[in-house]
């Protein structure tokens, strides 16, 4: 089941941190038990499956666990969450673009749903910006639905 984004107004500096990252597969909420005014963030972290850790080592460990072995990426490739980057549909799409001389300039997660089973694939919608040699950048949307391949 897909869940709509909540309107979260908690601010950390100039960023709506949880609102921006909670559905990207990149978030870990670290908050010591004595932290004040965390009920709202803890509620949404639990509701949306964001790992919550109460110690700095626990938060670092959860982040490293999520990254796993990582992947070497540069430029706009780094804007693609690892779970999407590693997916077959994305890798097939990107291989075709690279073979045509294109490069990924940017990517934005519009929607992300975790895999429903350990061996399943996540569902996602990305808006990507690509450019070829001498060509103007173009923007397109990529949708991968669980078990259904990818649409562009």
N, C-alpha and C. Protein backbone atom coordinates (compact mmCIF):
# COMPACT_ATOMS: atom_id res chain seq x y z
N UNK A 1 0.84 -1.17 0.00
CA UNK A 1 0.00 0.00 0.00
C UNK A 1 0.89 1.24 0.00
N UNK A 2 0.62 2.17 -0.86
CA UNK A 2 1.35 3.43 -0.90
C UNK A 2 0.74 4.39 0.11
N UNK A 3 1.57 5.21 0.69
CA UNK A 3 1.12 6.16 1.69
C UNK A 3 1.46 7.56 1.22
N UNK A 4 0.50 8.46 1.31
CA UNK A 4 0.74 9.85 0.89
C UNK A 4 1.69 10.52 1.87
N UNK A 5 2.43 11.50 1.37
CA UNK A 5 3.36 12.23 2.21
C UNK A 5 2.61 13.08 3.23
N UNK A 6 3.05 13.04 4.50
CA UNK A 6 2.44 13.93 5.48
C UNK A 6 3.00 15.34 5.31
N UNK A 7 2.30 16.30 5.80
CA UNK A 7 2.81 17.67 5.80
C UNK A 7 3.53 17.89 7.12
N UNK A 8 4.82 17.71 7.12
CA UNK A 8 5.63 17.82 8.33
C UNK A 8 6.31 19.17 8.31
N UNK A 9 6.18 19.91 9.40
CA UNK A 9 6.76 21.24 9.43
C UNK A 9 7.95 21.33 10.38
N UNK A 10 8.39 20.22 10.96
CA UNK A 10 9.55 20.24 11.85
C UNK A 10 10.76 20.71 11.05
N UNK A 11 11.47 21.66 11.60
CA UNK A 11 12.63 22.22 10.89
C UNK A 11 13.92 21.91 11.62
N UNK A 12 14.92 21.55 10.83
CA UNK A 12 16.27 21.36 11.34
C UNK A 12 17.14 22.28 10.49
N UNK A 13 17.50 23.42 11.04
CA UNK A 13 18.19 24.42 10.23
C UNK A 13 17.21 24.93 9.20
N UNK A 14 17.56 24.83 7.92
CA UNK A 14 16.68 25.31 6.85
C UNK A 14 16.02 24.16 6.10
N UNK A 15 16.07 22.95 6.64
CA UNK A 15 15.55 21.81 5.90
C UNK A 15 14.41 21.13 6.65
N UNK A 16 13.39 20.76 5.92
CA UNK A 16 12.35 19.91 6.49
C UNK A 16 12.85 18.49 6.35
N UNK A 17 13.75 18.11 7.24
CA UNK A 17 14.55 16.91 7.09
C UNK A 17 13.72 15.65 6.88
N UNK A 18 12.81 15.35 7.78
CA UNK A 18 12.06 14.10 7.65
C UNK A 18 11.14 14.13 6.43
N UNK A 19 10.53 15.27 6.14
CA UNK A 19 9.64 15.38 4.99
C UNK A 19 10.38 15.11 3.70
N UNK A 20 11.61 15.56 3.61
CA UNK A 20 12.38 15.39 2.39
C UNK A 20 12.87 13.95 2.21
N UNK A 21 13.26 13.30 3.29
CA UNK A 21 13.96 12.03 3.17
C UNK A 21 13.20 10.79 3.61
N UNK A 22 12.08 10.91 4.31
CA UNK A 22 11.48 9.72 4.92
C UNK A 22 11.12 8.64 3.90
N UNK A 23 10.73 8.99 2.71
CA UNK A 23 10.30 7.99 1.75
C UNK A 23 11.36 7.64 0.72
N UNK A 24 12.58 8.05 0.96
CA UNK A 24 13.64 7.81 -0.02
C UNK A 24 14.42 6.54 0.23
N UNK A 25 14.21 5.91 1.38
CA UNK A 25 15.04 4.77 1.74
C UNK A 25 16.37 5.20 2.31
N UNK A 26 16.58 6.51 2.53
CA UNK A 26 17.86 7.05 3.01
C UNK A 26 17.82 7.54 4.45
N UNK A 27 16.69 7.45 5.13
CA UNK A 27 16.54 8.11 6.43
C UNK A 27 16.70 7.14 7.60
N UNK A 28 17.33 7.63 8.65
CA UNK A 28 17.38 7.01 9.96
C UNK A 28 17.13 8.14 10.95
N UNK A 29 16.20 7.95 11.86
CA UNK A 29 15.94 8.97 12.88
C UNK A 29 16.70 8.59 14.14
N UNK A 30 17.65 9.42 14.52
CA UNK A 30 18.41 9.21 15.75
C UNK A 30 17.98 10.23 16.78
N UNK A 31 17.50 9.76 17.93
CA UNK A 31 17.03 10.66 18.98
C UNK A 31 17.23 9.98 20.32
N UNK A 32 18.03 10.59 21.21
CA UNK A 32 18.20 9.98 22.53
C UNK A 32 16.87 10.00 23.28
N UNK A 33 16.68 9.07 24.21
CA UNK A 33 15.41 8.98 24.94
C UNK A 33 15.01 10.29 25.63
N UNK A 34 15.98 11.09 26.05
CA UNK A 34 15.67 12.33 26.77
C UNK A 34 15.40 13.52 25.84
N UNK A 35 15.46 13.32 24.53
CA UNK A 35 15.22 14.41 23.58
C UNK A 35 13.79 14.91 23.72
N UNK A 36 13.64 16.23 23.72
CA UNK A 36 12.32 16.84 23.88
C UNK A 36 11.64 17.04 22.53
N UNK A 37 10.34 17.08 22.55
CA UNK A 37 9.50 17.39 21.38
C UNK A 37 9.77 16.47 20.19
N UNK A 38 9.90 15.21 20.45
CA UNK A 38 10.18 14.25 19.38
C UNK A 38 8.99 13.36 19.05
N UNK A 39 7.90 13.48 19.79
CA UNK A 39 6.75 12.57 19.61
C UNK A 39 6.25 12.58 18.17
N UNK A 40 6.16 13.75 17.57
CA UNK A 40 5.65 13.88 16.21
C UNK A 40 6.54 13.14 15.21
N UNK A 41 7.84 13.38 15.30
CA UNK A 41 8.77 12.71 14.39
C UNK A 41 8.80 11.21 14.63
N UNK A 42 8.78 10.81 15.90
CA UNK A 42 8.78 9.38 16.21
C UNK A 42 7.53 8.70 15.67
N UNK A 43 6.40 9.38 15.76
CA UNK A 43 5.14 8.83 15.23
C UNK A 43 5.26 8.60 13.72
N UNK A 44 5.71 9.60 12.98
CA UNK A 44 5.81 9.45 11.53
C UNK A 44 6.92 8.50 11.12
N UNK A 45 8.00 8.47 11.86
CA UNK A 45 9.05 7.50 11.55
C UNK A 45 8.51 6.08 11.66
N UNK A 46 7.76 5.82 12.72
CA UNK A 46 7.18 4.49 12.90
C UNK A 46 6.15 4.20 11.81
N UNK A 47 5.29 5.17 11.52
CA UNK A 47 4.24 4.99 10.53
C UNK A 47 4.79 4.71 9.13
N UNK A 48 5.94 5.29 8.81
CA UNK A 48 6.48 5.16 7.46
C UNK A 48 7.70 4.25 7.38
N UNK A 49 7.97 3.52 8.44
CA UNK A 49 9.04 2.52 8.40
C UNK A 49 10.44 3.08 8.41
N UNK A 50 10.62 4.30 8.93
CA UNK A 50 11.96 4.88 9.05
C UNK A 50 12.60 4.29 10.31
N UNK A 51 13.78 3.69 10.20
CA UNK A 51 14.43 3.15 11.40
C UNK A 51 14.65 4.24 12.45
N UNK A 52 14.40 3.89 13.71
CA UNK A 52 14.60 4.81 14.83
C UNK A 52 15.64 4.20 15.76
N UNK A 53 16.64 4.99 16.10
CA UNK A 53 17.68 4.55 17.03
C UNK A 53 17.81 5.59 18.13
N UNK A 54 18.12 5.13 19.34
CA UNK A 54 18.20 6.03 20.50
C UNK A 54 19.62 6.38 20.92
N UNK A 55 20.62 5.86 20.20
CA UNK A 55 22.01 6.20 20.50
C UNK A 55 22.72 6.57 19.20
N UNK A 56 23.79 7.34 19.31
CA UNK A 56 24.57 7.68 18.13
C UNK A 56 25.17 6.44 17.46
N UNK A 57 25.77 5.51 18.23
CA UNK A 57 26.26 4.29 17.57
C UNK A 57 25.15 3.49 16.90
N UNK A 58 23.96 3.47 17.52
CA UNK A 58 22.84 2.75 16.91
C UNK A 58 22.40 3.39 15.61
N UNK A 59 22.34 4.73 15.58
CA UNK A 59 21.94 5.45 14.36
C UNK A 59 22.98 5.24 13.26
N UNK A 60 24.25 5.32 13.61
CA UNK A 60 25.31 5.10 12.62
C UNK A 60 25.25 3.67 12.10
N UNK A 61 25.03 2.71 12.99
CA UNK A 61 24.93 1.32 12.58
C UNK A 61 23.75 1.06 11.66
N UNK A 62 22.60 1.68 11.97
CA UNK A 62 21.42 1.52 11.11
C UNK A 62 21.66 2.12 9.72
N UNK A 63 22.33 3.27 9.67
CA UNK A 63 22.63 3.90 8.39
C UNK A 63 23.59 3.02 7.57
N UNK A 64 24.62 2.50 8.22
CA UNK A 64 25.57 1.64 7.51
C UNK A 64 24.91 0.34 7.05
N UNK A 65 24.00 -0.19 7.87
CA UNK A 65 23.28 -1.40 7.48
C UNK A 65 22.43 -1.13 6.24
N UNK A 66 21.78 0.02 6.20
CA UNK A 66 20.94 0.37 5.05
C UNK A 66 21.77 0.51 3.78
N UNK A 67 22.96 1.08 3.91
CA UNK A 67 23.84 1.26 2.75
C UNK A 67 24.40 -0.07 2.28
N UNK A 68 24.72 -0.94 3.23
CA UNK A 68 25.31 -2.23 2.86
C UNK A 68 26.67 -2.01 2.21
N UNK A 69 26.90 -2.67 1.12
CA UNK A 69 28.21 -2.55 0.45
C UNK A 69 28.34 -1.25 -0.34
N UNK A 70 27.25 -0.53 -0.54
CA UNK A 70 27.32 0.73 -1.28
C UNK A 70 27.53 0.50 -2.76
N UNK A 71 27.67 1.57 -3.50
CA UNK A 71 27.94 1.53 -4.94
C UNK A 71 28.69 2.79 -5.32
N UNK A 72 29.70 2.65 -6.16
CA UNK A 72 30.45 3.82 -6.62
C UNK A 72 29.61 4.56 -7.63
N UNK A 73 29.35 5.84 -7.32
CA UNK A 73 28.54 6.68 -8.21
C UNK A 73 29.11 8.09 -8.19
N UNK A 74 28.87 8.81 -9.27
CA UNK A 74 29.35 10.19 -9.36
C UNK A 74 28.22 11.09 -9.86
N UNK A 75 28.40 12.39 -9.69
CA UNK A 75 27.45 13.37 -10.22
C UNK A 75 26.02 13.09 -9.83
N UNK A 76 25.12 13.18 -10.79
CA UNK A 76 23.70 12.97 -10.55
C UNK A 76 23.34 11.56 -10.14
N UNK A 77 24.24 10.61 -10.39
CA UNK A 77 23.98 9.23 -9.97
C UNK A 77 23.78 9.14 -8.46
N UNK A 78 24.44 10.03 -7.72
CA UNK A 78 24.35 10.00 -6.25
C UNK A 78 22.99 10.41 -5.74
N UNK A 79 22.16 11.02 -6.58
CA UNK A 79 20.82 11.43 -6.17
C UNK A 79 19.82 10.27 -6.22
N UNK A 80 20.22 9.15 -6.77
CA UNK A 80 19.34 7.98 -6.87
C UNK A 80 19.55 7.12 -5.63
N UNK A 81 18.50 6.84 -4.85
CA UNK A 81 18.66 5.98 -3.67
C UNK A 81 19.24 4.62 -4.07
N UNK A 82 20.05 4.05 -3.19
CA UNK A 82 20.70 2.78 -3.50
C UNK A 82 19.72 1.67 -3.86
N UNK A 83 18.58 1.62 -3.18
CA UNK A 83 17.62 0.56 -3.49
C UNK A 83 17.09 0.69 -4.92
N UNK A 84 16.94 1.92 -5.38
CA UNK A 84 16.52 2.15 -6.76
C UNK A 84 17.69 1.90 -7.70
N UNK A 85 18.85 2.44 -7.36
CA UNK A 85 20.06 2.29 -8.18
C UNK A 85 20.35 0.82 -8.47
N UNK A 86 20.17 -0.03 -7.47
CA UNK A 86 20.49 -1.45 -7.60
C UNK A 86 19.40 -2.25 -8.31
N UNK A 87 18.25 -1.66 -8.53
CA UNK A 87 17.14 -2.41 -9.12
C UNK A 87 17.41 -2.71 -10.60
N UNK A 88 16.94 -3.84 -11.06
CA UNK A 88 17.12 -4.23 -12.47
C UNK A 88 16.49 -3.23 -13.42
N UNK A 89 15.23 -2.80 -13.15
CA UNK A 89 14.64 -1.84 -14.10
C UNK A 89 15.46 -0.57 -14.26
N UNK A 90 15.96 -0.02 -13.16
CA UNK A 90 16.75 1.21 -13.27
C UNK A 90 18.06 0.93 -14.00
N UNK A 91 18.75 -0.14 -13.65
CA UNK A 91 20.03 -0.44 -14.28
C UNK A 91 19.87 -0.69 -15.78
N UNK A 92 18.80 -1.35 -16.19
CA UNK A 92 18.56 -1.55 -17.64
C UNK A 92 18.34 -0.21 -18.33
N UNK A 93 17.49 0.64 -17.74
CA UNK A 93 17.22 1.96 -18.32
C UNK A 93 18.51 2.76 -18.42
N UNK A 94 19.30 2.78 -17.35
CA UNK A 94 20.51 3.60 -17.32
C UNK A 94 21.57 3.06 -18.29
N UNK A 95 21.68 1.76 -18.43
CA UNK A 95 22.65 1.18 -19.37
C UNK A 95 22.35 1.62 -20.80
N UNK A 96 21.07 1.64 -21.16
CA UNK A 96 20.69 2.10 -22.51
C UNK A 96 21.07 3.57 -22.69
N UNK A 97 20.81 4.39 -21.69
CA UNK A 97 21.14 5.82 -21.77
C UNK A 97 22.65 6.03 -21.87
N UNK A 98 23.40 5.30 -21.06
CA UNK A 98 24.86 5.43 -21.12
C UNK A 98 25.41 5.00 -22.47
N UNK A 99 24.86 3.92 -23.01
CA UNK A 99 25.31 3.45 -24.33
C UNK A 99 25.04 4.49 -25.42
N UNK A 100 24.01 5.31 -25.19
CA UNK A 100 23.68 6.38 -26.16
C UNK A 100 24.46 7.65 -25.88
N UNK A 101 25.39 7.62 -24.91
CA UNK A 101 26.22 8.78 -24.61
C UNK A 101 25.59 9.77 -23.63
N UNK A 102 24.54 9.36 -22.97
CA UNK A 102 23.88 10.26 -22.00
C UNK A 102 24.48 10.08 -20.61
N UNK A 103 24.31 11.12 -19.82
CA UNK A 103 24.72 11.05 -18.42
C UNK A 103 23.58 11.56 -17.55
N UNK A 104 23.51 11.04 -16.35
CA UNK A 104 22.47 11.42 -15.40
C UNK A 104 22.93 12.67 -14.66
N UNK A 105 22.17 13.74 -14.77
CA UNK A 105 22.53 15.00 -14.12
C UNK A 105 21.90 15.13 -12.74
N UNK A 106 20.68 14.62 -12.59
CA UNK A 106 19.97 14.76 -11.32
C UNK A 106 18.82 13.76 -11.27
N UNK A 107 18.36 13.49 -10.06
CA UNK A 107 17.21 12.62 -9.86
C UNK A 107 16.50 13.06 -8.59
N UNK A 108 15.19 12.97 -8.61
CA UNK A 108 14.40 13.31 -7.43
C UNK A 108 13.38 12.20 -7.20
N UNK A 109 13.33 11.70 -5.97
CA UNK A 109 12.35 10.69 -5.60
C UNK A 109 11.00 11.38 -5.45
N UNK A 110 10.02 10.96 -6.22
CA UNK A 110 8.66 11.50 -6.11
C UNK A 110 7.80 10.60 -5.25
N UNK A 111 8.09 9.29 -5.30
CA UNK A 111 7.32 8.32 -4.54
C UNK A 111 8.18 7.08 -4.38
N UNK A 112 8.08 6.47 -3.20
CA UNK A 112 8.86 5.27 -2.92
C UNK A 112 8.07 4.38 -1.99
N UNK A 113 7.99 3.12 -2.32
CA UNK A 113 7.33 2.14 -1.45
C UNK A 113 8.28 0.97 -1.29
N UNK A 114 8.57 0.64 -0.06
CA UNK A 114 9.49 -0.47 0.21
C UNK A 114 8.95 -1.78 -0.36
N UNK A 115 9.86 -2.72 -0.59
CA UNK A 115 9.47 -4.04 -1.07
C UNK A 115 8.56 -4.70 -0.02
N UNK A 116 7.57 -5.43 -0.48
CA UNK A 116 6.64 -6.07 0.44
C UNK A 116 7.15 -7.41 0.95
N UNK A 117 8.18 -7.94 0.32
CA UNK A 117 8.77 -9.22 0.74
C UNK A 117 10.29 -9.09 0.68
N UNK A 118 11.00 -9.89 1.47
CA UNK A 118 12.47 -9.79 1.47
C UNK A 118 13.10 -9.96 0.08
N UNK A 119 12.50 -10.77 -0.77
CA UNK A 119 13.05 -10.97 -2.12
C UNK A 119 12.34 -10.10 -3.16
N UNK A 120 11.46 -9.20 -2.70
CA UNK A 120 10.72 -8.34 -3.62
C UNK A 120 11.50 -7.10 -4.01
N UNK A 121 10.93 -6.35 -4.89
CA UNK A 121 11.55 -5.10 -5.36
C UNK A 121 10.71 -3.92 -4.88
N UNK A 122 11.35 -2.81 -4.59
CA UNK A 122 10.56 -1.63 -4.21
C UNK A 122 9.84 -1.05 -5.42
N UNK A 123 8.83 -0.26 -5.14
CA UNK A 123 8.14 0.48 -6.19
C UNK A 123 8.57 1.93 -6.04
N UNK A 124 8.74 2.63 -7.16
CA UNK A 124 9.24 3.99 -7.06
C UNK A 124 8.89 4.81 -8.29
N UNK A 125 8.93 6.11 -8.10
CA UNK A 125 8.76 7.08 -9.18
C UNK A 125 9.88 8.10 -9.04
N UNK A 126 10.68 8.24 -10.07
CA UNK A 126 11.78 9.22 -10.08
C UNK A 126 11.55 10.21 -11.20
N UNK A 127 11.92 11.45 -10.93
CA UNK A 127 12.04 12.44 -12.00
C UNK A 127 13.53 12.60 -12.22
N UNK A 128 13.99 12.34 -13.44
CA UNK A 128 15.42 12.38 -13.74
C UNK A 128 15.71 13.42 -14.82
N UNK A 129 16.91 13.97 -14.74
CA UNK A 129 17.40 14.89 -15.77
C UNK A 129 18.62 14.24 -16.39
N UNK A 130 18.58 14.07 -17.71
CA UNK A 130 19.69 13.46 -18.44
C UNK A 130 20.13 14.39 -19.57
N UNK A 131 21.37 14.23 -19.98
CA UNK A 131 21.88 15.02 -21.11
C UNK A 131 22.88 14.17 -21.86
N UNK A 132 22.89 14.35 -23.17
CA UNK A 132 23.86 13.68 -24.02
C UNK A 132 24.93 14.67 -24.44
N UNK A 133 25.89 14.21 -25.18
CA UNK A 133 26.96 15.09 -25.64
C UNK A 133 26.39 16.21 -26.51
N UNK A 134 26.51 17.43 -26.03
CA UNK A 134 26.06 18.59 -26.77
C UNK A 134 24.55 18.80 -26.79
N UNK A 135 23.79 17.90 -26.20
CA UNK A 135 22.33 18.03 -26.21
C UNK A 135 21.86 18.77 -24.96
N UNK A 136 20.74 19.43 -25.10
CA UNK A 136 20.13 20.09 -23.94
C UNK A 136 19.62 19.04 -22.97
N UNK A 137 19.67 19.35 -21.69
CA UNK A 137 19.14 18.40 -20.70
C UNK A 137 17.65 18.15 -20.93
N UNK A 138 17.23 16.93 -20.68
CA UNK A 138 15.81 16.60 -20.77
C UNK A 138 15.38 15.95 -19.46
N UNK A 139 14.12 16.16 -19.12
CA UNK A 139 13.55 15.64 -17.88
C UNK A 139 12.54 14.58 -18.23
N UNK A 140 12.59 13.45 -17.53
CA UNK A 140 11.59 12.42 -17.72
C UNK A 140 11.29 11.75 -16.39
N UNK A 141 10.19 11.03 -16.36
CA UNK A 141 9.79 10.33 -15.15
C UNK A 141 9.90 8.84 -15.39
N UNK A 142 10.41 8.14 -14.38
CA UNK A 142 10.57 6.70 -14.43
C UNK A 142 9.73 6.09 -13.32
N UNK A 143 8.89 5.13 -13.65
CA UNK A 143 8.02 4.48 -12.68
C UNK A 143 8.30 2.98 -12.71
N UNK A 144 8.59 2.43 -11.56
CA UNK A 144 8.76 0.99 -11.44
C UNK A 144 7.76 0.49 -10.42
N UNK A 145 6.81 -0.32 -10.87
CA UNK A 145 5.82 -0.90 -9.97
C UNK A 145 6.24 -2.32 -9.66
N UNK A 146 5.98 -2.76 -8.45
CA UNK A 146 6.45 -4.06 -7.99
C UNK A 146 6.06 -5.19 -8.95
N UNK A 147 7.08 -5.80 -9.53
CA UNK A 147 6.88 -6.92 -10.42
C UNK A 147 6.38 -6.57 -11.81
N UNK A 148 6.24 -5.30 -12.11
CA UNK A 148 5.65 -4.89 -13.39
C UNK A 148 6.65 -4.25 -14.33
N UNK A 149 7.94 -4.25 -14.00
CA UNK A 149 8.92 -3.60 -14.86
C UNK A 149 8.93 -2.11 -14.65
N UNK A 150 9.30 -1.37 -15.68
CA UNK A 150 9.41 0.08 -15.55
C UNK A 150 8.77 0.77 -16.74
N UNK A 151 8.12 1.89 -16.45
CA UNK A 151 7.55 2.73 -17.49
C UNK A 151 8.31 4.04 -17.53
N UNK A 152 8.43 4.63 -18.71
CA UNK A 152 9.10 5.93 -18.84
C UNK A 152 8.14 6.89 -19.47
